[in-house]
Amino acid sequence: MIVSVKNPELLTITNTIDNTTYFGGDQEWYTKTWNKQAGCGPTSAANIAAYLAASERGLKSLYPYATMDKSDFAKHMEELFLYVTPGAMGVNHVDKFTVGFDKFLKERNVKLTAKVLVTDKVPKTERKFQELAQFVKEGLTSDCPIAFLNLSKGEEKRIQGWHWITITSAEITEDKVIAVASDEGKVIEFDLSLWFLTTRRHGGLIYYS
């Protein structure tokens, strides 16, 4: 079964200067060196806000810019950085993301609630694949991209450790969740279920509904 946000193409960002296309934002677009290094969390928040604003649900205030040009999206990323702000270790907990994004939503009079699934509350041997599969299905079918924090890659080598990315679709089978995500402006594919069952540290998934 394939589950996806309704219009993943809404996260297409263009650079009209050199006619380049991206899928979601890239933390390299921040102007300050520290922001470039630690800005994956607010970049994921910017992706989610921009998608929700474009999804015709009366949420335009979450992305007030006229275009999805890189220049406008970079301004949007800088704004989200003020809410989902990395500390010395980055945005290294799902709560740091939700507290900041909740404040962003409140200031724009948007009533959405964070749905969260974390790994560190349950030992690896007791994690349930079906819990992950159901969470991903519910999030994507609610038409919200999923912010994904991974502090430990576990056995999945196709993702970066200590990093946030934005999941937009997934293929769910009896024993796997193969996710497609925006990572630094590019499309990546990886085994989310392998990560979930083998990661050794805090991590999690967040969507809003």
Protein backbone atom coordinates (compact mmCIF):
# COMPACT_ATOMS: atom_id res chain seq x y z
CA MET A 1 0.00 0.00 0.00
CA ILE A 2 1.30 3.45 -0.95
CA VAL A 3 0.31 6.37 1.28
CA SER A 4 1.16 9.96 0.49
CA VAL A 5 0.24 13.57 1.09
CA LYS A 6 -2.22 14.57 -1.59
CA ASN A 7 0.05 16.92 -3.53
CA PRO A 8 3.76 16.35 -2.84
CA GLU A 9 4.56 18.60 -5.79
CA LEU A 10 3.56 21.54 -3.58
CA LEU A 11 7.02 21.22 -2.02
CA THR A 12 8.72 21.90 -5.34
CA ILE A 13 10.96 24.94 -4.97
CA THR A 14 12.46 26.68 -7.98
CA ASN A 15 15.45 28.95 -8.40
CA THR A 16 14.53 31.29 -11.22
CA ILE A 17 18.10 32.59 -11.43
CA ASP A 18 19.57 29.31 -12.69
CA ASN A 19 16.36 27.34 -13.37
CA THR A 20 17.15 24.71 -10.70
CA THR A 21 14.42 22.71 -8.98
CA TYR A 22 14.44 21.37 -5.41
CA PHE A 23 12.16 19.17 -3.35
CA GLY A 24 11.73 21.01 -0.07
CA GLY A 25 14.19 23.36 1.55
CA ASP A 26 17.91 22.97 2.11
CA GLN A 27 19.55 24.16 5.34
CA GLU A 28 22.44 25.45 3.23
CA TRP A 29 20.15 28.32 2.26
CA TYR A 30 20.47 29.91 5.69
CA THR A 31 22.75 32.93 5.71
CA LYS A 32 24.64 32.28 8.96
CA THR A 33 27.21 29.48 9.30
CA TRP A 34 25.67 28.03 12.48
CA ASN A 35 22.21 28.04 10.94
CA LYS A 36 23.55 26.10 7.96
CA GLN A 37 25.10 23.53 10.26
CA ALA A 38 22.20 23.10 12.68
CA GLY A 39 19.18 24.15 10.64
CA CYS A 40 17.70 20.81 9.58
CA GLY A 41 14.92 21.01 12.22
CA PRO A 42 13.62 24.45 11.25
CA THR A 43 13.98 23.47 7.57
CA SER A 44 11.63 20.55 8.15
CA ALA A 45 9.26 22.88 10.01
CA ALA A 46 9.39 25.27 7.06
CA ASN A 47 8.51 22.43 4.68
CA ILE A 48 5.47 21.44 6.73
CA ALA A 49 4.25 25.03 7.14
CA ALA A 50 4.59 25.75 3.42
CA TYR A 51 2.78 22.56 2.44
CA LEU A 52 -0.10 23.17 4.84
CA ALA A 53 -0.41 26.77 3.61
CA ALA A 54 -0.69 25.59 0.00
CA SER A 55 -3.17 22.80 0.72
CA GLU A 56 -6.23 25.07 0.51
CA ARG A 57 -7.40 24.60 4.08
CA GLY A 58 -7.43 28.26 5.07
CA LEU A 59 -3.86 28.09 6.34
CA LYS A 60 -2.26 30.64 4.04
CA SER A 61 -0.86 32.56 7.03
CA LEU A 62 1.67 29.75 7.53
CA TYR A 63 3.44 30.80 4.30
CA PRO A 64 2.69 34.41 3.32
CA TYR A 65 4.95 34.56 0.27
CA ALA A 66 3.66 34.77 -3.30
CA THR A 67 5.93 32.11 -4.80
CA MET A 68 7.85 28.95 -3.99
CA ASP A 69 10.97 30.50 -5.42
CA LYS A 70 14.15 29.76 -3.49
CA SER A 71 14.49 33.42 -2.49
CA ASP A 72 11.04 33.47 -0.87
CA PHE A 73 11.40 30.04 0.72
CA ALA A 74 14.75 31.03 2.24
CA LYS A 75 13.00 33.95 3.98
CA HIS A 76 10.38 31.50 5.25
CA MET A 77 13.13 29.24 6.60
CA GLU A 78 14.75 32.15 8.46
CA GLU A 79 11.41 32.91 10.10
CA LEU A 80 10.88 29.30 11.22
CA PHE A 81 14.39 29.30 12.66
CA LEU A 82 13.16 31.86 15.20
CA TYR A 83 10.62 29.32 16.50
CA VAL A 84 12.24 25.91 15.99
CA THR A 85 15.62 27.14 17.19
CA PRO A 86 18.61 24.78 17.53
CA GLY A 87 20.51 24.78 20.80
CA ALA A 88 24.12 23.69 21.24
CA MET A 89 23.16 20.15 20.18
CA GLY A 90 20.70 21.24 17.50
CA VAL A 91 16.98 20.48 17.70
CA ASN A 92 17.79 17.19 19.40
CA HIS A 93 14.38 16.29 20.83
CA VAL A 94 10.91 16.13 19.31
CA ASP A 95 9.65 18.41 22.11
CA LYS A 96 11.97 21.20 20.96
CA PHE A 97 10.31 20.99 17.55
CA THR A 98 6.71 20.87 18.78
CA VAL A 99 7.09 23.66 21.37
CA GLY A 100 8.47 26.01 18.73
CA PHE A 101 6.09 25.03 15.96
CA ASP A 102 3.11 25.22 18.32
CA LYS A 103 4.09 28.81 19.13
CA PHE A 104 4.38 29.58 15.41
CA LEU A 105 0.87 28.21 14.82
CA LYS A 106 -0.63 30.05 17.79
CA GLU A 107 0.74 33.41 16.66
CA ARG A 108 -0.98 32.84 13.32
CA ASN A 109 -4.27 31.77 14.90
CA VAL A 110 -4.00 28.26 13.48
CA LYS A 111 -5.42 25.45 15.58
CA LEU A 112 -3.59 22.24 14.76
CA THR A 113 -2.37 19.58 17.18
CA ALA A 114 0.93 17.72 17.08
CA LYS A 115 0.78 13.93 16.81
CA VAL A 116 4.04 12.35 17.96
CA LEU A 117 5.64 8.90 17.92
CA VAL A 118 8.99 8.52 19.69
CA THR A 119 11.42 5.62 19.96
CA ASP A 120 13.16 6.00 23.30
CA LYS A 121 10.12 5.27 25.47
CA VAL A 122 10.16 1.66 24.28
CA PRO A 123 13.23 -0.65 24.16
CA LYS A 124 14.21 -1.91 20.70
CA THR A 125 13.03 -5.44 21.47
CA GLU A 126 9.55 -4.22 22.38
CA ARG A 127 8.85 -1.80 19.53
CA LYS A 128 5.88 -2.70 17.38
CA PHE A 129 6.12 -2.44 13.60
CA GLN A 130 2.37 -1.99 13.34
CA GLU A 131 2.49 1.08 15.57
CA LEU A 132 4.91 2.73 13.17
CA ALA A 133 2.95 1.66 10.08
CA GLN A 134 -0.32 2.98 11.51
CA PHE A 135 1.23 6.29 12.55
CA VAL A 136 2.74 6.90 9.12
CA LYS A 137 -0.51 5.96 7.39
CA GLU A 138 -2.58 8.27 9.59
CA GLY A 139 -0.18 11.16 9.20
CA LEU A 140 0.18 11.07 5.44
CA THR A 141 -3.49 10.35 4.75
CA SER A 142 -4.35 13.38 6.91
CA ASP A 143 -2.41 15.32 4.24
CA CYS A 144 0.46 16.52 6.41
CA PRO A 145 4.14 15.82 5.73
CA ILE A 146 5.87 14.09 8.65
CA ALA A 147 8.88 15.62 10.37
CA PHE A 148 11.38 12.87 11.18
CA LEU A 149 14.17 13.15 13.76
CA ASN A 150 16.93 10.56 13.71
CA LEU A 151 19.72 10.81 16.28
CA SER A 152 20.90 7.26 15.65
CA LYS A 153 20.65 5.66 12.20
CA GLY A 154 20.51 2.14 13.59
CA GLU A 155 21.01 -0.30 10.73
CA GLU A 156 19.61 2.01 8.02
CA LYS A 157 22.64 3.50 6.28
CA ARG A 158 20.83 5.62 3.68
CA ILE A 159 20.04 8.41 6.13
CA GLN A 160 22.18 10.90 8.01
CA GLY A 161 22.44 10.60 11.78
CA TRP A 162 21.48 13.48 14.10
CA HIS A 163 19.26 14.94 11.43
CA TRP A 164 15.71 16.04 10.57
CA ILE A 165 14.04 15.33 7.22
CA THR A 166 10.46 15.56 5.92
CA ILE A 167 8.55 12.43 4.86
CA THR A 168 5.94 12.89 2.12
CA SER A 169 5.02 9.33 1.13
CA ALA A 170 5.64 5.70 2.03
CA GLU A 171 5.10 2.18 0.77
CA ILE A 172 3.76 0.05 3.61
CA THR A 173 3.94 -3.74 3.35
CA GLU A 174 3.52 -6.50 5.93
CA ASP A 175 6.98 -5.94 7.35
CA LYS A 176 8.42 -2.72 5.91
CA VAL A 177 7.79 0.99 5.66
CA ILE A 178 9.82 2.41 2.77
CA ALA A 179 9.67 6.18 3.07
CA VAL A 180 10.23 8.98 0.56
CA ALA A 181 11.42 12.25 2.02
CA SER A 182 12.81 15.70 1.37
CA ASP A 183 16.40 15.90 2.59
CA GLU A 184 18.44 19.04 1.87
CA GLY A 185 16.35 19.87 -1.19
CA LYS A 186 16.54 16.37 -2.66
CA VAL A 187 14.32 13.28 -2.75
CA ILE A 188 15.60 10.31 -0.77
CA GLU A 189 14.16 6.84 -0.12
CA PHE A 190 14.94 4.67 2.89
CA ASP A 191 13.64 1.90 5.16
CA LEU A 192 11.91 3.76 7.99
CA SER A 193 10.91 0.51 9.67
CA LEU A 194 14.53 -0.68 9.81
CA TRP A 195 15.45 2.58 11.52
CA PHE A 196 12.51 2.31 13.93
CA LEU A 197 13.40 -1.21 15.01
CA THR A 198 17.16 -0.66 15.36
CA THR A 199 17.80 2.95 16.38
CA ARG A 200 19.54 3.25 19.73
CA ARG A 201 18.67 6.81 20.75
CA HIS A 202 15.84 9.29 20.95
CA GLY A 203 14.09 9.99 17.67
CA GLY A 204 10.60 10.39 16.39
CA LEU A 205 7.95 11.39 13.91
CA ILE A 206 5.62 14.41 14.07
CA TYR A 207 2.63 15.51 12.02
CA TYR A 208 -0.14 18.06 12.61
CA SER A 209 -3.89 17.67 12.24
